[in-house]
């Protein structure tokens, strides 16, 4: 990535983060009412929180795969 691409890359990253946040919120807000209908409110809350915890654990598990340092400057 060069300096001319920095703005585009930043905007793309921001947009992808917002899409991921919206998808997560949609998953939980869809899952909870479905579970509440099937199992009742007392079982739906712990199940929803478990799904959130599993997603958080998966995100934490793959975090070490990210690069630790920026790529060397190509200039």
Protein backbone atom coordinates (compact mmCIF):
# COMPACT_ATOMS: atom_id res chain seq x y z
CA UNK A 1 0.00 0.00 0.00
CA UNK A 2 1.34 3.43 -0.85
CA UNK A 3 0.41 6.85 0.47
CA UNK A 4 -2.09 7.41 -2.33
CA UNK A 5 -4.01 4.28 -1.31
CA UNK A 6 -4.07 4.99 2.43
CA UNK A 7 -7.40 6.81 2.35
CA UNK A 8 -9.11 4.08 0.33
CA UNK A 9 -7.73 1.34 2.54
CA UNK A 10 -8.80 3.18 5.68
CA UNK A 11 -12.31 3.68 4.32
CA UNK A 12 -12.57 0.05 3.26
CA UNK A 13 -11.46 -1.17 6.69
CA UNK A 14 -13.96 1.12 8.39
CA UNK A 15 -16.79 -0.08 6.12
CA UNK A 16 -15.94 -3.75 6.72
CA UNK A 17 -15.87 -3.20 10.48
CA UNK A 18 -19.31 -1.59 10.34
CA UNK A 19 -20.69 -4.46 8.23
CA UNK A 20 -19.29 -6.99 10.71
CA UNK A 21 -20.79 -5.08 13.65
CA UNK A 22 -24.18 -4.93 11.91
CA UNK A 23 -24.06 -8.65 11.06
CA UNK A 24 -23.27 -9.52 14.67
CA UNK A 25 -26.09 -7.36 15.98
CA UNK A 26 -28.48 -8.84 13.42
CA UNK A 27 -27.49 -12.37 14.41
CA UNK A 28 -28.10 -11.80 18.11
CA UNK A 29 -31.28 -9.76 17.63
CA UNK A 30 -32.68 -12.47 15.35
CA UNK A 31 -31.51 -15.38 17.45
CA UNK A 32 -32.84 -14.19 20.82
CA UNK A 33 -36.53 -13.86 19.81
CA UNK A 34 -36.37 -17.19 17.97
CA UNK A 35 -34.89 -18.89 21.01
CA UNK A 36 -37.34 -17.15 23.34
CA UNK A 37 -40.24 -18.44 21.28
CA UNK A 38 -38.90 -22.00 21.32
CA UNK A 39 -37.38 -22.27 24.80
CA UNK A 40 -38.73 -19.35 26.80
CA UNK A 41 -36.97 -16.19 27.96
CA UNK A 42 -35.07 -17.87 30.78
CA UNK A 43 -33.23 -20.20 28.38
CA UNK A 44 -32.87 -17.75 25.51
CA UNK A 45 -30.69 -15.24 27.38
CA UNK A 46 -27.96 -17.72 28.42
CA UNK A 47 -27.94 -19.28 24.94
CA UNK A 48 -27.60 -15.87 23.29
CA UNK A 49 -24.80 -14.91 25.66
CA UNK A 50 -23.07 -18.22 24.94
CA UNK A 51 -23.11 -17.48 21.21
CA UNK A 52 -21.63 -14.04 21.88
CA UNK A 53 -18.94 -15.57 24.12
CA UNK A 54 -18.04 -18.17 21.48
CA UNK A 55 -17.71 -15.47 18.81
CA UNK A 56 -15.52 -13.42 21.14
CA UNK A 57 -13.33 -16.46 21.87
CA UNK A 58 -12.96 -17.17 18.14
CA UNK A 59 -11.96 -13.57 17.49
CA UNK A 60 -9.40 -13.73 20.30
CA UNK A 61 -8.06 -17.04 18.99
CA UNK A 62 -7.39 -15.69 15.49
CA UNK A 63 -5.94 -12.37 16.66
CA UNK A 64 -2.37 -13.78 16.83
CA UNK A 65 -2.62 -14.50 13.09
CA UNK A 66 -2.61 -10.77 12.36
CA UNK A 67 0.74 -9.25 11.41
CA UNK A 68 2.58 -7.77 14.36
CA UNK A 69 4.41 -5.10 12.38
CA UNK A 70 3.57 -2.98 9.40
CA UNK A 71 5.10 -3.99 6.09
CA UNK A 72 8.40 -2.37 5.28
CA UNK A 73 8.13 0.87 3.33
CA UNK A 74 8.58 0.16 -0.38
CA UNK A 75 10.03 3.62 -1.16
